[in-house]
Amino acid sequence: MKLPRSLSGADLVAALKRLGYQQTRQAGSHVRMTLSFPRQAHLTVPLARAIPTGTLAALIKDAATHLDTTVEDVLSKIR
């Protein structure tokens, strides 16, 4: 799994919206994204210029778990 190195927080928020997440609130430089279906789940995305790779990997892994799909499938939809 090769992660994008220059993915910004705003780009990740837009990609998560395409996957079915909705932006529920923002506190400072962090955005809370909520998925209502198949079950309710939340992700907190930092609005950094470039999300650190470890943080990005964890967010993508959590999104894949929430969506009952693979990490590779989520990555292909983000790019």
PDB file of N, CA and C in Angstrom:
ATOM      1  N   MET A   1       0.851  -1.168   0.000  1.00  0.00           N
ATOM      2  CA  MET A   1       0.000   0.000   0.000  1.00  0.00           C
ATOM      3  C   MET A   1       0.897   1.231   0.000  1.00  0.00           C
ATOM      4  N   LYS A   2       0.863   1.975  -1.067  1.00  0.00           N
ATOM      5  CA  LYS A   2       1.652   3.198  -1.197  1.00  0.00           C
ATOM      6  C   LYS A   2       0.745   4.386  -0.916  1.00  0.00           C
ATOM      7  N   LEU A   3       1.049   5.130   0.135  1.00  0.00           N
ATOM      8  CA  LEU A   3       0.236   6.279   0.521  1.00  0.00           C
ATOM      9  C   LEU A   3       0.683   7.530  -0.217  1.00  0.00           C
ATOM     10  N   PRO A   4      -0.251   8.404  -0.550  1.00  0.00           N
ATOM     11  CA  PRO A   4       0.139   9.690  -1.133  1.00  0.00           C
ATOM     12  C   PRO A   4       0.870  10.519  -0.084  1.00  0.00           C
ATOM     13  N   ARG A   5       1.958  11.163  -0.473  1.00  0.00           N
ATOM     14  CA  ARG A   5       2.796  11.901   0.477  1.00  0.00           C
ATOM     15  C   ARG A   5       2.362  13.341   0.671  1.00  0.00           C
ATOM     16  N   SER A   6       1.590  13.882  -0.226  1.00  0.00           N
ATOM     17  CA  SER A   6       1.256  15.303  -0.131  1.00  0.00           C
ATOM     18  C   SER A   6      -0.251  15.532  -0.076  1.00  0.00           C
ATOM     19  N   LEU A   7      -0.983  14.626   0.539  1.00  0.00           N
ATOM     20  CA  LEU A   7      -2.429  14.771   0.644  1.00  0.00           C
ATOM     21  C   LEU A   7      -2.745  15.735   1.786  1.00  0.00           C
ATOM     22  N   SER A   8      -3.472  16.787   1.469  1.00  0.00           N
ATOM     23  CA  SER A   8      -3.820  17.771   2.498  1.00  0.00           C
ATOM     24  C   SER A   8      -5.085  17.333   3.227  1.00  0.00           C
ATOM     25  N   GLY A   9      -5.334  17.969   4.352  1.00  0.00           N
ATOM     26  CA  GLY A   9      -6.536  17.672   5.112  1.00  0.00           C
ATOM     27  C   GLY A   9      -7.796  17.984   4.332  1.00  0.00           C
ATOM     28  N   ALA A  10      -7.786  19.108   3.602  1.00  0.00           N
ATOM     29  CA  ALA A  10      -8.956  19.492   2.800  1.00  0.00           C
ATOM     30  C   ALA A  10      -9.212  18.469   1.693  1.00  0.00           C
ATOM     31  N   ASP A  11      -8.141  17.949   1.078  1.00  0.00           N
ATOM     32  CA  ASP A  11      -8.301  16.921   0.045  1.00  0.00           C
ATOM     33  C   ASP A  11      -8.884  15.636   0.632  1.00  0.00           C
ATOM     34  N   LEU A  12      -8.430  15.268   1.835  1.00  0.00           N
ATOM     35  CA  LEU A  12      -8.950  14.062   2.472  1.00  0.00           C
ATOM     36  C   LEU A  12     -10.413  14.239   2.863  1.00  0.00           C
ATOM     37  N   VAL A  13     -10.784  15.420   3.343  1.00  0.00           N
ATOM     38  CA  VAL A  13     -12.185  15.691   3.682  1.00  0.00           C
ATOM     39  C   VAL A  13     -13.056  15.544   2.434  1.00  0.00           C
ATOM     40  N   ALA A  14     -12.611  16.090   1.306  1.00  0.00           N
ATOM     41  CA  ALA A  14     -13.368  15.979   0.055  1.00  0.00           C
ATOM     42  C   ALA A  14     -13.491  14.519  -0.382  1.00  0.00           C
ATOM     43  N   ALA A  15     -12.414  13.753  -0.241  1.00  0.00           N
ATOM     44  CA  ALA A  15     -12.448  12.342  -0.623  1.00  0.00           C
ATOM     45  C   ALA A  15     -13.386  11.549   0.284  1.00  0.00           C
ATOM     46  N   LEU A  16     -13.368  11.845   1.569  1.00  0.00           N
ATOM     47  CA  LEU A  16     -14.261  11.143   2.490  1.00  0.00           C
ATOM     48  C   LEU A  16     -15.722  11.482   2.214  1.00  0.00           C
ATOM     49  N   LYS A  17     -15.989  12.704   1.781  1.00  0.00           N
ATOM     50  CA  LYS A  17     -17.360  13.072   1.405  1.00  0.00           C
ATOM     51  C   LYS A  17     -17.823  12.246   0.207  1.00  0.00           C
ATOM     52  N   ARG A  18     -16.916  11.988  -0.747  1.00  0.00           N
ATOM     53  CA  ARG A  18     -17.265  11.149  -1.900  1.00  0.00           C
ATOM     54  C   ARG A  18     -17.570   9.715  -1.475  1.00  0.00           C
ATOM     55  N   LEU A  19     -16.971   9.280  -0.361  1.00  0.00           N
ATOM     56  CA  LEU A  19     -17.186   7.921   0.139  1.00  0.00           C
ATOM     57  C   LEU A  19     -18.424   7.799   1.026  1.00  0.00           C
ATOM     58  N   GLY A  20     -19.091   8.918   1.308  1.00  0.00           N
ATOM     59  CA  GLY A  20     -20.319   8.853   2.086  1.00  0.00           C
ATOM     60  C   GLY A  20     -20.266   9.519   3.448  1.00  0.00           C
ATOM     61  N   TYR A  21     -19.103  10.003   3.845  1.00  0.00           N
ATOM     62  CA  TYR A  21     -18.991  10.710   5.121  1.00  0.00           C
ATOM     63  C   TYR A  21     -19.569  12.116   4.979  1.00  0.00           C
ATOM     64  N   GLN A  22     -20.022  12.675   6.101  1.00  0.00           N
ATOM     65  CA  GLN A  22     -20.514  14.049   6.138  1.00  0.00           C
ATOM     66  C   GLN A  22     -19.725  14.816   7.185  1.00  0.00           C
ATOM     67  N   GLN A  23     -19.443  16.072   6.888  1.00  0.00           N
ATOM     68  CA  GLN A  23     -18.753  16.916   7.859  1.00  0.00           C
ATOM     69  C   GLN A  23     -19.776  17.357   8.904  1.00  0.00           C
ATOM     70  N   THR A  24     -19.542  16.985  10.170  1.00  0.00           N
ATOM     71  CA  THR A  24     -20.514  17.309  11.213  1.00  0.00           C
ATOM     72  C   THR A  24     -20.109  18.522  12.033  1.00  0.00           C
ATOM     73  N   ARG A  25     -18.816  18.736  12.199  1.00  0.00           N
ATOM     74  CA  ARG A  25     -18.386  19.925  12.927  1.00  0.00           C
ATOM     75  C   ARG A  25     -16.909  20.169  12.695  1.00  0.00           C
ATOM     76  N   GLN A  26     -16.463  21.358  13.096  1.00  0.00           N
ATOM     77  CA  GLN A  26     -15.061  21.720  12.996  1.00  0.00           C
ATOM     78  C   GLN A  26     -14.669  22.441  14.269  1.00  0.00           C
ATOM     79  N   ALA A  27     -13.548  22.051  14.838  1.00  0.00           N
ATOM     80  CA  ALA A  27     -13.011  22.706  16.024  1.00  0.00           C
ATOM     81  C   ALA A  27     -11.564  23.080  15.726  1.00  0.00           C
ATOM     82  N   GLY A  28     -11.327  24.353  15.463  1.00  0.00           N
ATOM     83  CA  GLY A  28      -9.973  24.793  15.138  1.00  0.00           C
ATOM     84  C   GLY A  28      -9.512  24.202  13.828  1.00  0.00           C
ATOM     85  N   SER A  29      -8.424  23.454  13.890  1.00  0.00           N
ATOM     86  CA  SER A  29      -7.851  22.891  12.667  1.00  0.00           C
ATOM     87  C   SER A  29      -8.212  21.419  12.473  1.00  0.00           C
ATOM     88  N   HIS A  30      -9.265  20.946  13.113  1.00  0.00           N
ATOM     89  CA  HIS A  30      -9.701  19.562  12.966  1.00  0.00           C
ATOM     90  C   HIS A  30     -11.167  19.515  12.547  1.00  0.00           C
ATOM     91  N   VAL A  31     -11.473  18.591  11.635  1.00  0.00           N
ATOM     92  CA  VAL A  31     -12.833  18.412  11.129  1.00  0.00           C
ATOM     93  C   VAL A  31     -13.327  17.040  11.561  1.00  0.00           C
ATOM     94  N   ARG A  32     -14.545  16.978  12.055  1.00  0.00           N
ATOM     95  CA  ARG A  32     -15.164  15.715  12.456  1.00  0.00           C
ATOM     96  C   ARG A  32     -16.048  15.237  11.313  1.00  0.00           C
ATOM     97  N   MET A  33     -15.768  14.044  10.813  1.00  0.00           N
ATOM     98  CA  MET A  33     -16.529  13.438   9.731  1.00  0.00           C
ATOM     99  C   MET A  33     -17.340  12.274  10.305  1.00  0.00           C
ATOM    100  N   THR A  34     -18.600  12.160   9.880  1.00  0.00           N
ATOM    101  CA  THR A  34     -19.490  11.119  10.392  1.00  0.00           C
ATOM    102  C   THR A  34     -20.046  10.298   9.237  1.00  0.00           C
ATOM    103  N   LEU A  35     -20.048   8.992   9.428  1.00  0.00           N
ATOM    104  CA  LEU A  35     -20.649   8.055   8.484  1.00  0.00           C
ATOM    105  C   LEU A  35     -21.884   7.475   9.157  1.00  0.00           C
ATOM    106  N   SER A  36     -23.027   7.553   8.511  1.00  0.00           N
ATOM    107  CA  SER A  36     -24.274   7.076   9.117  1.00  0.00           C
ATOM    108  C   SER A  36     -24.636   5.654   8.714  1.00  0.00           C
ATOM    109  N   PHE A  37     -24.160   5.197   7.551  1.00  0.00           N
ATOM    110  CA  PHE A  37     -24.523   3.882   7.049  1.00  0.00           C
ATOM    111  C   PHE A  37     -23.268   3.156   6.610  1.00  0.00           C
ATOM    112  N   PRO A  38     -23.000   1.919   6.859  1.00  0.00           N
ATOM    113  CA  PRO A  38     -23.858   0.893   7.425  1.00  0.00           C
ATOM    114  C   PRO A  38     -24.017   0.993   8.942  1.00  0.00           C
ATOM    115  N   ARG A  39     -23.106   1.650   9.628  1.00  0.00           N
ATOM    116  CA  ARG A  39     -23.284   1.942  11.055  1.00  0.00           C
ATOM    117  C   ARG A  39     -22.629   3.290  11.324  1.00  0.00           C
ATOM    118  N   GLN A  40     -23.020   3.924  12.405  1.00  0.00           N
ATOM    119  CA  GLN A  40     -22.489   5.251  12.678  1.00  0.00           C
ATOM    120  C   GLN A  40     -21.033   5.153  13.118  1.00  0.00           C
ATOM    121  N   ALA A  41     -20.189   5.976  12.498  1.00  0.00           N
ATOM    122  CA  ALA A  41     -18.767   5.996  12.803  1.00  0.00           C
ATOM    123  C   ALA A  41     -18.239   7.408  12.592  1.00  0.00           C
ATOM    124  N   HIS A  42     -17.169   7.741  13.299  1.00  0.00           N
ATOM    125  CA  HIS A  42     -16.608   9.085  13.235  1.00  0.00           C
ATOM    126  C   HIS A  42     -15.118   9.027  12.937  1.00  0.00           C
ATOM    127  N   LEU A  43     -14.641  10.018  12.201  1.00  0.00           N
ATOM    128  CA  LEU A  43     -13.215  10.232  11.962  1.00  0.00           C
ATOM    129  C   LEU A  43     -12.917  11.699  12.225  1.00  0.00           C
ATOM    130  N   THR A  44     -11.773  11.981  12.824  1.00  0.00           N
ATOM    131  CA  THR A  44     -11.329  13.353  13.021  1.00  0.00           C
ATOM    132  C   THR A  44     -10.129  13.582  12.118  1.00  0.00           C
ATOM    133  N   VAL A  45     -10.264  14.537  11.197  1.00  0.00           N
ATOM    134  CA  VAL A  45      -9.240  14.799  10.187  1.00  0.00           C
ATOM    135  C   VAL A  45      -8.561  16.131  10.491  1.00  0.00           C
ATOM    136  N   PRO A  46      -7.222  16.135  10.618  1.00  0.00           N
ATOM    137  CA  PRO A  46      -6.526  17.408  10.800  1.00  0.00           C
ATOM    138  C   PRO A  46      -6.450  18.155   9.470  1.00  0.00           C
ATOM    139  N   LEU A  47      -6.659  19.453   9.502  1.00  0.00           N
ATOM    140  CA  LEU A  47      -6.592  20.256   8.277  1.00  0.00           C
ATOM    141  C   LEU A  47      -5.169  20.764   8.064  1.00  0.00           C
ATOM    142  N   ALA A  48      -4.240  19.850   7.951  1.00  0.00           N
ATOM    143  CA  ALA A  48      -2.839  20.188   7.728  1.00  0.00           C
ATOM    144  C   ALA A  48      -2.570  20.300   6.232  1.00  0.00           C
ATOM    145  N   ARG A  49      -1.490  21.002   5.890  1.00  0.00           N
ATOM    146  CA  ARG A  49      -1.109  21.090   4.469  1.00  0.00           C
ATOM    147  C   ARG A  49      -0.773  19.723   3.916  1.00  0.00           C
ATOM    148  N   ALA A  50      -0.056  18.937   4.691  1.00  0.00           N
ATOM    149  CA  ALA A  50       0.256  17.553   4.321  1.00  0.00           C
ATOM    150  C   ALA A  50       0.073  16.702   5.573  1.00  0.00           C
ATOM    151  N   ILE A  51      -0.854  15.764   5.518  1.00  0.00           N
ATOM    152  CA  ILE A  51      -1.118  14.904   6.673  1.00  0.00           C
ATOM    153  C   ILE A  51       0.056  13.942   6.830  1.00  0.00           C
ATOM    154  N   PRO A  52       0.603  13.804   8.048  1.00  0.00           N
ATOM    155  CA  PRO A  52       1.696  12.850   8.263  1.00  0.00           C
ATOM    156  C   PRO A  52       1.278  11.433   7.851  1.00  0.00           C
ATOM    157  N   THR A  53       2.225  10.664   7.343  1.00  0.00           N
ATOM    158  CA  THR A  53       1.901   9.361   6.765  1.00  0.00           C
ATOM    159  C   THR A  53       1.287   8.401   7.776  1.00  0.00           C
ATOM    160  N   GLY A  54       1.752   8.412   9.011  1.00  0.00           N
ATOM    161  CA  GLY A  54       1.181   7.527  10.023  1.00  0.00           C
ATOM    162  C   GLY A  54      -0.263   7.877  10.328  1.00  0.00           C
ATOM    163  N   THR A  55      -0.547   9.168  10.415  1.00  0.00           N
ATOM    164  CA  THR A  55      -1.914   9.635  10.654  1.00  0.00           C
ATOM    165  C   THR A  55      -2.805   9.278   9.474  1.00  0.00           C
ATOM    166  N   LEU A  56      -2.300   9.499   8.267  1.00  0.00           N
ATOM    167  CA  LEU A  56      -3.065   9.182   7.063  1.00  0.00           C
ATOM    168  C   LEU A  56      -3.357   7.686   6.977  1.00  0.00           C
ATOM    169  N   ALA A  57      -2.364   6.861   7.284  1.00  0.00           N
ATOM    170  CA  ALA A  57      -2.563   5.410   7.245  1.00  0.00           C
ATOM    171  C   ALA A  57      -3.638   4.983   8.241  1.00  0.00           C
ATOM    172  N   ALA A  58      -3.623   5.565   9.435  1.00  0.00           N
ATOM    173  CA  ALA A  58      -4.622   5.216  10.445  1.00  0.00           C
ATOM    174  C   ALA A  58      -6.021   5.659  10.019  1.00  0.00           C
ATOM    175  N   LEU A  59      -6.130   6.858   9.439  1.00  0.00           N
ATOM    176  CA  LEU A  59      -7.433   7.350   8.990  1.00  0.00           C
ATOM    177  C   LEU A  59      -7.994   6.485   7.864  1.00  0.00           C
ATOM    178  N   ILE A  60      -7.144   6.089   6.927  1.00  0.00           N
ATOM    179  CA  ILE A  60      -7.591   5.250   5.811  1.00  0.00           C
ATOM    180  C   ILE A  60      -7.992   3.865   6.310  1.00  0.00           C
ATOM    181  N   LYS A  61      -7.221   3.323   7.245  1.00  0.00           N
ATOM    182  CA  LYS A  61      -7.553   2.014   7.816  1.00  0.00           C
ATOM    183  C   LYS A  61      -8.892   2.072   8.546  1.00  0.00           C
ATOM    184  N   ASP A  62      -9.114   3.129   9.328  1.00  0.00           N
ATOM    185  CA  ASP A  62     -10.390   3.279  10.037  1.00  0.00           C
ATOM    186  C   ASP A  62     -11.551   3.431   9.060  1.00  0.00           C
ATOM    187  N   ALA A  63     -11.357   4.217   8.001  1.00  0.00           N
ATOM    188  CA  ALA A  63     -12.415   4.398   7.001  1.00  0.00           C
ATOM    189  C   ALA A  63     -12.741   3.070   6.323  1.00  0.00           C
ATOM    190  N   ALA A  64     -11.723   2.277   6.016  1.00  0.00           N
ATOM    191  CA  ALA A  64     -11.956   0.973   5.390  1.00  0.00           C
ATOM    192  C   ALA A  64     -12.745   0.057   6.323  1.00  0.00           C
ATOM    193  N   THR A  65     -12.430   0.099   7.607  1.00  0.00           N
ATOM    194  CA  THR A  65     -13.164  -0.711   8.582  1.00  0.00           C
ATOM    195  C   THR A  65     -14.616  -0.256   8.672  1.00  0.00           C
ATOM    196  N   HIS A  66     -14.839   1.052   8.717  1.00  0.00           N
ATOM    197  CA  HIS A  66     -16.203   1.584   8.808  1.00  0.00           C
ATOM    198  C   HIS A  66     -17.028   1.233   7.572  1.00  0.00           C
ATOM    199  N   LEU A  67     -16.391   1.232   6.404  1.00  0.00           N
ATOM    200  CA  LEU A  67     -17.094   0.980   5.148  1.00  0.00           C
ATOM    201  C   LEU A  67     -17.139  -0.506   4.784  1.00  0.00           C
ATOM    202  N   ASP A  68     -16.548  -1.361   5.617  1.00  0.00           N
ATOM    203  CA  ASP A  68     -16.483  -2.807   5.365  1.00  0.00           C
ATOM    204  C   ASP A  68     -15.857  -3.109   4.010  1.00  0.00           C
ATOM    205  N   THR A  69     -14.717  -2.489   3.750  1.00  0.00           N
ATOM    206  CA  THR A  69     -13.994  -2.695   2.497  1.00  0.00           C
ATOM    207  C   THR A  69     -12.503  -2.783   2.807  1.00  0.00           C
ATOM    208  N   THR A  70     -11.688  -2.875   1.765  1.00  0.00           N
ATOM    209  CA  THR A  70     -10.246  -2.989   1.969  1.00  0.00           C
ATOM    210  C   THR A  70      -9.584  -1.616   1.934  1.00  0.00           C
ATOM    211  N   VAL A  71      -8.392  -1.562   2.481  1.00  0.00           N
ATOM    212  CA  VAL A  71      -7.612  -0.324   2.476  1.00  0.00           C
ATOM    213  C   VAL A  71      -7.285   0.078   1.041  1.00  0.00           C
ATOM    214  N   GLU A  72      -6.970  -0.896   0.197  1.00  0.00           N
ATOM    215  CA  GLU A  72      -6.637  -0.611  -1.195  1.00  0.00           C
ATOM    216  C   GLU A  72      -7.820   0.007  -1.935  1.00  0.00           C
ATOM    217  N   ASP A  73      -9.024  -0.459  -1.631  1.00  0.00           N
ATOM    218  CA  ASP A  73     -10.221   0.091  -2.264  1.00  0.00           C
ATOM    219  C   ASP A  73     -10.428   1.548  -1.857  1.00  0.00           C
ATOM    220  N   VAL A  74     -10.244   1.850  -0.585  1.00  0.00           N
ATOM    221  CA  VAL A  74     -10.380   3.234  -0.112  1.00  0.00           C
ATOM    222  C   VAL A  74      -9.304   4.110  -0.748  1.00  0.00           C
ATOM    223  N   LEU A  75      -8.074   3.606  -0.815  1.00  0.00           N
ATOM    224  CA  LEU A  75      -6.986   4.374  -1.429  1.00  0.00           C
ATOM    225  C   LEU A  75      -7.264   4.679  -2.891  1.00  0.00           C
ATOM    226  N   SER A  76      -7.820   3.721  -3.614  1.00  0.00           N
ATOM    227  CA  SER A  76      -8.096   3.951  -5.035  1.00  0.00           C
ATOM    228  C   SER A  76      -9.153   5.035  -5.226  1.00  0.00           C
ATOM    229  N   LYS A  77     -10.080   5.158  -4.283  1.00  0.00           N
ATOM    230  CA  LYS A  77     -11.116   6.185  -4.384  1.00  0.00           C
ATOM    231  C   LYS A  77     -10.629   7.545  -3.908  1.00  0.00           C
ATOM    232  N   ILE A  78      -9.582   7.567  -3.097  1.00  0.00           N
ATOM    233  CA  ILE A  78      -9.034   8.837  -2.606  1.00  0.00           C
ATOM    234  C   ILE A  78      -8.176   9.497  -3.674  1.00  0.00           C
ATOM    235  N   ARG A  79      -7.433   8.715  -4.415  1.00  0.00           N
ATOM    236  CA  ARG A  79      -6.492   9.278  -5.392  1.00  0.00           C
ATOM    237  C   ARG A  79      -7.175   9.894  -6.557  1.00  0.00           C
TER     238      ARG A  79
END
